[in-house]
C-alpha atoms as a PDB file:
ATOM      1  CA  MET A   1     -62.694  54.280 -31.263  1.00  0.00           C
ATOM      2  CA  PRO A   2     -59.156  54.234 -30.120  1.00  0.00           C
ATOM      3  CA  ALA A   3     -56.186  54.887 -32.080  1.00  0.00           C
ATOM      4  CA  VAL A   4     -55.192  52.266 -34.711  1.00  0.00           C
ATOM      5  CA  GLN A   5     -52.330  49.948 -34.024  1.00  0.00           C
ATOM      6  CA  ASP A   6     -50.026  51.342 -36.832  1.00  0.00           C
ATOM      7  CA  SER A   7     -50.469  54.755 -35.408  1.00  0.00           C
ATOM      8  CA  ILE A   8     -49.316  53.533 -32.005  1.00  0.00           C
ATOM      9  CA  GLU A   9     -46.346  51.559 -33.344  1.00  0.00           C
ATOM     10  CA  CYS A  10     -45.305  54.540 -34.972  1.00  0.00           C
ATOM     11  CA  ALA A  11     -45.645  56.811 -32.125  1.00  0.00           C
ATOM     12  CA  ARG A  12     -43.609  54.032 -30.076  1.00  0.00           C
ATOM     13  CA  ILE A  13     -40.803  54.283 -32.927  1.00  0.00           C
ATOM     14  CA  ALA A  14     -40.920  58.236 -32.576  1.00  0.00           C
ATOM     15  CA  ALA A  15     -40.785  57.999 -28.815  1.00  0.00           C
ATOM     16  CA  LEU A  16     -37.637  55.856 -28.778  1.00  0.00           C
ATOM     17  CA  ALA A  17     -36.062  58.037 -31.400  1.00  0.00           C
ATOM     18  CA  ALA A  18     -36.687  61.059 -29.267  1.00  0.00           C
ATOM     19  CA  ASP A  19     -35.395  59.072 -26.118  1.00  0.00           C
ATOM     20  CA  LYS A  20     -32.369  58.258 -27.919  1.00  0.00           C
ATOM     21  CA  VAL A  21     -31.248  61.885 -28.273  1.00  0.00           C
ATOM     22  CA  LYS A  22     -32.242  62.443 -24.517  1.00  0.00           C
ATOM     23  CA  ALA A  23     -35.678  64.100 -25.022  1.00  0.00           C
ATOM     24  CA  GLU A  24     -37.577  64.621 -21.813  1.00  0.00           C
ATOM     25  CA  ASP A  25     -41.075  64.159 -20.626  1.00  0.00           C
ATOM     26  CA  ILE A  26     -42.151  61.968 -23.520  1.00  0.00           C
ATOM     27  CA  VAL A  27     -45.768  61.367 -23.556  1.00  0.00           C
ATOM     28  CA  ALA A  28     -48.655  60.304 -26.154  1.00  0.00           C
ATOM     29  CA  PHE A  29     -52.425  60.900 -26.167  1.00  0.00           C
ATOM     30  CA  ASP A  30     -55.009  59.052 -27.788  1.00  0.00           C
ATOM     31  CA  VAL A  31     -56.986  61.967 -29.170  1.00  0.00           C
ATOM     32  CA  THR A  32     -59.342  59.996 -31.443  1.00  0.00           C
ATOM     33  CA  GLU A  33     -62.330  60.995 -29.433  1.00  0.00           C
ATOM     34  CA  PRO A  34     -62.122  64.698 -29.418  1.00  0.00           C
ATOM     35  CA  LEU A  35     -60.393  65.074 -32.864  1.00  0.00           C
ATOM     36  CA  ALA A  36     -61.576  63.400 -36.024  1.00  0.00           C
ATOM     37  CA  ILE A  37     -58.374  64.604 -37.938  1.00  0.00           C
ATOM     38  CA  THR A  38     -55.760  62.652 -36.066  1.00  0.00           C
ATOM     39  CA  ASP A  39     -55.316  59.511 -33.795  1.00  0.00           C
ATOM     40  CA  ILE A  40     -52.316  60.507 -31.695  1.00  0.00           C
ATOM     41  CA  PHE A  41     -50.613  63.497 -30.355  1.00  0.00           C
ATOM     42  CA  LEU A  42     -46.890  62.750 -29.171  1.00  0.00           C
ATOM     43  CA  LEU A  43     -44.974  65.381 -26.891  1.00  0.00           C
ATOM     44  CA  ALA A  44     -41.262  65.417 -26.330  1.00  0.00           C
ATOM     45  CA  THR A  45     -39.054  68.248 -24.803  1.00  0.00           C
ATOM     46  CA  GLY A  46     -35.756  69.589 -25.633  1.00  0.00           C
ATOM     47  CA  ASN A  47     -33.564  71.672 -23.245  1.00  0.00           C
ATOM     48  CA  ASN A  48     -32.270  74.059 -25.979  1.00  0.00           C
ATOM     49  CA  GLU A  49     -32.990  74.804 -29.748  1.00  0.00           C
ATOM     50  CA  ARG A  50     -30.255  72.757 -30.989  1.00  0.00           C
ATOM     51  CA  GLN A  51     -31.849  69.765 -28.940  1.00  0.00           C
ATOM     52  CA  VAL A  52     -35.155  70.358 -30.287  1.00  0.00           C
ATOM     53  CA  LEU A  53     -34.026  70.250 -33.975  1.00  0.00           C
ATOM     54  CA  ALA A  54     -31.940  67.046 -33.290  1.00  0.00           C
ATOM     55  CA  ILE A  55     -35.055  65.289 -31.865  1.00  0.00           C
ATOM     56  CA  ALA A  56     -37.223  66.185 -34.588  1.00  0.00           C
ATOM     57  CA  GLU A  57     -34.512  65.081 -37.140  1.00  0.00           C
ATOM     58  CA  GLU A  58     -34.090  61.806 -35.361  1.00  0.00           C
ATOM     59  CA  ILE A  59     -37.838  61.106 -35.203  1.00  0.00           C
ATOM     60  CA  GLU A  60     -38.077  61.663 -39.102  1.00  0.00           C
ATOM     61  CA  LYS A  61     -35.106  59.727 -39.752  1.00  0.00           C
ATOM     62  CA  GLU A  62     -36.429  56.481 -37.766  1.00  0.00           C
ATOM     63  CA  LEU A  63     -40.013  56.682 -39.117  1.00  0.00           C
ATOM     64  CA  SER A  64     -38.378  56.758 -42.556  1.00  0.00           C
ATOM     65  CA  ILE A  65     -36.094  54.004 -42.161  1.00  0.00           C
ATOM     66  CA  GLN A  66     -38.350  51.891 -40.116  1.00  0.00           C
ATOM     67  CA  ARG A  67     -41.735  52.627 -41.423  1.00  0.00           C
ATOM     68  CA  LYS A  68     -41.146  54.603 -44.828  1.00  0.00           C
ATOM     69  CA  ARG A  69     -43.331  57.136 -43.272  1.00  0.00           C
ATOM     70  CA  GLU A  70     -42.761  60.876 -44.470  1.00  0.00           C
ATOM     71  CA  THR A  71     -44.193  63.905 -42.829  1.00  0.00           C
ATOM     72  CA  ARG A  72     -47.180  65.868 -44.530  1.00  0.00           C
ATOM     73  CA  THR A  73     -46.002  69.083 -42.872  1.00  0.00           C
ATOM     74  CA  ARG A  74     -43.160  70.298 -40.935  1.00  0.00           C
ATOM     75  CA  GLU A  75     -43.483  73.576 -39.140  1.00  0.00           C
ATOM     76  CA  GLY A  76     -41.304  75.433 -36.425  1.00  0.00           C
ATOM     77  CA  LEU A  77     -37.773  74.619 -37.840  1.00  0.00           C
ATOM     78  CA  GLU A  78     -36.752  78.174 -37.997  1.00  0.00           C
ATOM     79  CA  ASP A  79     -37.402  79.030 -34.204  1.00  0.00           C
ATOM     80  CA  ALA A  80     -36.999  75.681 -32.971  1.00  0.00           C
ATOM     81  CA  GLN A  81     -39.239  76.437 -30.068  1.00  0.00           C
ATOM     82  CA  TRP A  82     -42.090  74.159 -31.081  1.00  0.00           C
ATOM     83  CA  VAL A  83     -41.588  71.782 -33.889  1.00  0.00           C
ATOM     84  CA  LEU A  84     -44.661  70.114 -35.330  1.00  0.00           C
ATOM     85  CA  LEU A  85     -44.378  67.018 -37.420  1.00  0.00           C
ATOM     86  CA  ASP A  86     -47.467  65.978 -38.900  1.00  0.00           C
ATOM     87  CA  TYR A  87     -47.827  62.560 -40.302  1.00  0.00           C
ATOM     88  CA  GLY A  88     -51.631  62.665 -40.781  1.00  0.00           C
ATOM     89  CA  ASP A  89     -52.729  59.885 -38.425  1.00  0.00           C
ATOM     90  CA  PHE A  90     -50.353  61.274 -35.673  1.00  0.00           C
ATOM     91  CA  VAL A  91     -48.813  64.443 -34.989  1.00  0.00           C
ATOM     92  CA  ILE A  92     -45.570  64.887 -32.965  1.00  0.00           C
ATOM     93  CA  HIS A  93     -44.862  68.095 -31.051  1.00  0.00           C
ATOM     94  CA  VAL A  94     -41.142  68.722 -30.215  1.00  0.00           C
ATOM     95  CA  MET A  95     -41.097  71.599 -27.687  1.00  0.00           C
ATOM     96  CA  HIS A  96     -38.528  73.523 -26.188  1.00  0.00           C
ATOM     97  CA  LYS A  97     -38.805  73.063 -22.437  1.00  0.00           C
ATOM     98  CA  ASP A  98     -39.893  76.744 -21.957  1.00  0.00           C
ATOM     99  CA  ALA A  99     -42.419  76.441 -24.529  1.00  0.00           C
ATOM    100  CA  ARG A 100     -43.753  73.243 -23.094  1.00  0.00           C
ATOM    101  CA  GLU A 101     -44.145  74.797 -19.767  1.00  0.00           C
ATOM    102  CA  TYR A 102     -45.915  77.931 -21.230  1.00  0.00           C
ATOM    103  CA  TYR A 103     -48.419  76.181 -23.370  1.00  0.00           C
ATOM    104  CA  SER A 104     -49.005  73.147 -20.951  1.00  0.00           C
ATOM    105  CA  LEU A 105     -50.461  70.848 -23.685  1.00  0.00           C
ATOM    106  CA  GLU A 106     -50.857  67.891 -21.218  1.00  0.00           C
ATOM    107  CA  ARG A 107     -53.409  69.918 -19.442  1.00  0.00           C
ATOM    108  CA  LEU A 108     -55.300  70.470 -22.602  1.00  0.00           C
ATOM    109  CA  TRP A 109     -55.388  66.660 -23.417  1.00  0.00           C
ATOM    110  CA  SER A 110     -55.408  65.419 -19.954  1.00  0.00           C
ATOM    111  CA  ASP A 111     -58.845  63.875 -20.544  1.00  0.00           C
ATOM    112  CA  CYS A 112     -57.516  61.711 -23.234  1.00  0.00           C
ATOM    113  CA  PRO A 113     -56.076  58.264 -22.780  1.00  0.00           C
ATOM    114  CA  LYS A 114     -52.389  58.249 -22.502  1.00  0.00           C
ATOM    115  CA  ILE A 115     -50.653  55.543 -24.832  1.00  0.00           C
ATOM    116  CA  ASP A 116     -48.005  53.261 -23.379  1.00  0.00           C
ATOM    117  CA  LEU A 117     -44.855  54.040 -25.250  1.00  0.00           C
ATOM    118  CA  GLN A 118     -42.927  51.077 -23.840  1.00  0.00           C
ATOM    119  CA  LEU A 119     -39.868  53.408 -23.243  1.00  0.00           C
ATOM    120  CA  PRO A 120     -36.950  52.063 -21.314  1.00  0.00           C
ATOM    121  CA  GLU A 121     -36.719  53.306 -17.581  1.00  0.00           C
ATOM    122  CA  HIS A 122     -33.889  55.670 -16.884  1.00  0.00           C
ATOM    123  CA  ASP A 123     -31.870  55.872 -13.559  1.00  0.00           C
ATOM    124  CA  GLU A 124     -31.914  59.489 -12.321  1.00  0.00           C
ATOM    125  CA  SER A 125     -28.032  59.449 -11.739  1.00  0.00           C
ATOM    126  CA  THR A 126     -27.334  58.178 -15.133  1.00  0.00           C
ATOM    127  CA  ASP A 127     -28.023  59.624 -18.665  1.00  0.00           C
ATOM    128  CA  HIS A 128     -30.008  58.057 -21.158  1.00  0.00           C
ATOM    129  CA  ASN A 129     -27.063  55.761 -22.522  1.00  0.00           C
ATOM    130  CA  GLY A 130     -26.785  54.184 -19.121  1.00  0.00           C
ATOM    131  CA  ASP A 131     -23.703  56.223 -18.329  1.00  0.00           C
ATOM    132  CA  ALA A 132     -22.792  57.889 -15.010  1.00  0.00           C
ATOM    133  CA  ASP A 133     -20.203  60.471 -15.389  1.00  0.00           C
ATOM    134  CA  GLY A 134     -19.000  59.114 -18.870  1.00  0.00           C
ATOM    135  CA  VAL A 135     -18.463  55.527 -17.459  1.00  0.00           C
ATOM    136  CA  THR A 136     -20.720  52.741 -18.667  1.00  0.00           C
ATOM    137  CA  VAL A 137     -22.658  51.178 -15.955  1.00  0.00           C
ATOM    138  CA  ALA A 138     -22.481  47.472 -15.564  1.00  0.00           C
ATOM    139  CA  THR A 139     -25.750  45.634 -15.940  1.00  0.00           C
ATOM    140  CA  ALA A 140     -24.524  42.180 -15.103  1.00  0.00           C
ATOM    141  CA  GLU A 141     -26.213  42.165 -11.785  1.00  0.00           C
ATOM    142  CA  ALA A 142     -29.597  43.164 -13.104  1.00  0.00           C
ATOM    143  CA  ASP A 143     -29.042  40.386 -15.939  1.00  0.00           C
ATOM    144  CA  ASN A 144     -27.890  37.661 -13.452  1.00  0.00           C
ATOM    145  CA  ALA A 145     -30.755  38.477 -10.992  1.00  0.00           C
ATOM    146  CA  ALA A 146     -33.364  38.042 -13.949  1.00  0.00           C
ATOM    147  CA  ALA A 147     -31.747  34.758 -14.730  1.00  0.00           C
ATOM    148  CA  VAL A 148     -31.788  33.355 -11.307  1.00  0.00           C
ATOM    149  CA  PRO A 149     -34.927  31.233 -10.673  1.00  0.00           C
ATOM    150  CA  ALA A 150     -37.366  32.056  -7.884  1.00  0.00           C
ATOM    151  CA  ALA A 151     -36.574  30.250  -4.667  1.00  0.00           C
ATOM    152  CA  GLN A 152     -39.005  27.419  -3.931  1.00  0.00           C
ATOM    153  CA  GLU A 153     -40.866  27.658  -0.522  1.00  0.00           C
END
């Protein structure tokens, strides 16, 4: 039985919150088949301890505001290498990049289906806010291209 829609929507909110504070390698797995205790594992990476804590804080804030969801358990805040936010039907792992590489949780859950988190695409040359070297990138060309009707043959 696949993950319930409410869990998927909460995972998407959490992923967007993590993305907002520049988390990397955000991925979610539907773990309902191998685990009876939860539906989804969401993983996100921070480049340093401060960012790991900021990601976890932003996720908690957005889930509280948008869904009135509070964690059942929070672990790892002292070391900020691997912060676990347990919401019951989904669990979020915010990991320092070194811990993420070392534990390689993706390998462990690779047989589970990935969940489409519907995150925005990011250009490699820009940061997560669409800025390149601190200057806002114009999106008018992309907007205009989408508004132009397809040429008739």
